[in-house]
Amino acid sequence: MKATVFVTVKENVLDPQGKAVQGALHSMGFDEVGEVRIGKYMELNLDTNDALVAEERVRTMCEKLLANTVIEDYRFELKGE
C-alpha cells in the first residue's frame, strides 16, 4: 500500500520561507502571486494491504515524527497496489 503525506504550516503560524518565496516571485515579475505557504510531501510504501492498519500506522508516524503538530497540519491518502 502507498501512503502520500502532506504536511503544511498551520494557517495561524508565520511561514517565513513562504514569505521569502513570495518576495522572490514578486521580484521576478510574478505579481499575481498572493500568499505562499511551504509544506512537505512524502511518499511511503507500506508492507500491508490492510487499509485500517495502514491508516493507524501512518497517523502515528505523522504524530510522532513526520509533522510537528504544534505548528503543522497533516493529511494523507492511502492507495492499494
Protein backbone atom coordinates (compact mmCIF):
# COMPACT_ATOMS: atom_id res chain seq x y z
CA MET A 1 0.00 0.00 0.00
CA LYS A 2 1.20 3.51 -0.75
CA ALA A 3 0.69 6.47 1.58
CA THR A 4 1.02 10.04 0.38
CA VAL A 5 1.54 12.50 3.23
CA PHE A 6 1.14 16.28 3.00
CA VAL A 7 2.41 18.47 5.86
CA THR A 8 1.70 22.22 5.92
CA VAL A 9 2.29 25.05 8.34
CA LYS A 10 -0.89 25.89 10.24
CA GLU A 11 -2.76 28.95 8.97
CA ASN A 12 -2.17 30.94 12.17
CA VAL A 13 1.60 30.28 12.14
CA LEU A 14 4.02 32.62 10.37
CA ASP A 15 5.69 30.97 7.35
CA PRO A 16 8.96 32.87 6.74
CA GLN A 17 10.05 30.51 3.96
CA GLY A 18 6.74 31.11 2.18
CA LYS A 19 7.19 34.88 2.57
CA ALA A 20 10.70 34.64 1.10
CA VAL A 21 9.43 32.68 -1.91
CA GLN A 22 6.56 35.15 -2.37
CA GLY A 23 9.03 38.07 -2.32
CA ALA A 24 11.32 36.33 -4.82
CA LEU A 25 8.42 35.62 -7.16
CA HIS A 26 7.29 39.25 -6.97
CA SER A 27 10.83 40.44 -7.71
CA MET A 28 10.81 38.21 -10.79
CA GLY A 29 7.64 39.85 -12.06
CA PHE A 30 5.07 37.32 -10.85
CA ASP A 31 2.98 39.98 -9.11
CA GLU A 32 -0.20 37.90 -9.35
CA VAL A 33 1.09 35.54 -6.65
CA GLY A 34 -0.61 36.10 -3.30
CA GLU A 35 0.31 34.31 -0.12
CA VAL A 36 2.74 31.38 -0.43
CA ARG A 37 2.77 28.56 2.12
CA ILE A 38 5.57 25.99 2.07
CA GLY A 39 4.96 22.38 3.01
CA LYS A 40 6.35 18.86 2.78
CA TYR A 41 5.30 15.98 0.55
CA MET A 42 6.21 12.37 1.33
CA GLU A 43 5.51 9.00 -0.28
CA LEU A 44 5.67 5.91 1.91
CA ASN A 45 5.43 2.33 0.67
CA LEU A 46 3.85 0.20 3.37
CA ASP A 47 4.14 -3.56 3.62
CA THR A 48 0.44 -4.13 4.30
CA ASN A 49 -2.78 -4.41 2.33
CA ASP A 50 -5.00 -3.69 5.35
CA ALA A 51 -6.29 -0.13 4.99
CA LEU A 52 -7.25 0.21 8.65
CA VAL A 53 -3.80 -0.88 9.83
CA ALA A 54 -2.12 1.40 7.29
CA GLU A 55 -4.26 4.38 8.35
CA GLU A 56 -3.45 3.84 12.03
CA ARG A 57 0.28 3.42 11.36
CA VAL A 58 0.58 6.46 9.09
CA ARG A 59 -1.37 8.62 11.56
CA THR A 60 1.03 7.50 14.32
CA MET A 61 4.05 8.24 12.10
CA CYS A 62 2.73 11.74 11.43
CA GLU A 63 2.00 12.43 15.10
CA LYS A 64 5.37 11.13 16.30
CA LEU A 65 7.80 12.21 13.57
CA LEU A 66 6.60 13.47 10.20
CA ALA A 67 4.70 16.53 11.43
CA ASN A 68 5.28 18.93 14.30
CA THR A 69 1.61 19.06 15.31
CA VAL A 70 2.13 22.22 17.38
CA ILE A 71 2.75 24.28 14.23
CA GLU A 72 1.89 21.93 11.34
CA ASP A 73 -1.20 20.22 9.98
CA TYR A 74 -1.06 16.98 8.04
CA ARG A 75 -3.26 14.87 5.84
CA PHE A 76 -2.61 11.66 3.98
CA GLU A 77 -4.03 9.47 1.28
CA LEU A 78 -3.78 5.70 1.00
CA LYS A 79 -3.78 3.74 -2.26
CA GLY A 80 -3.68 -0.02 -2.56
CA GLU A 81 -1.26 -1.52 -5.04
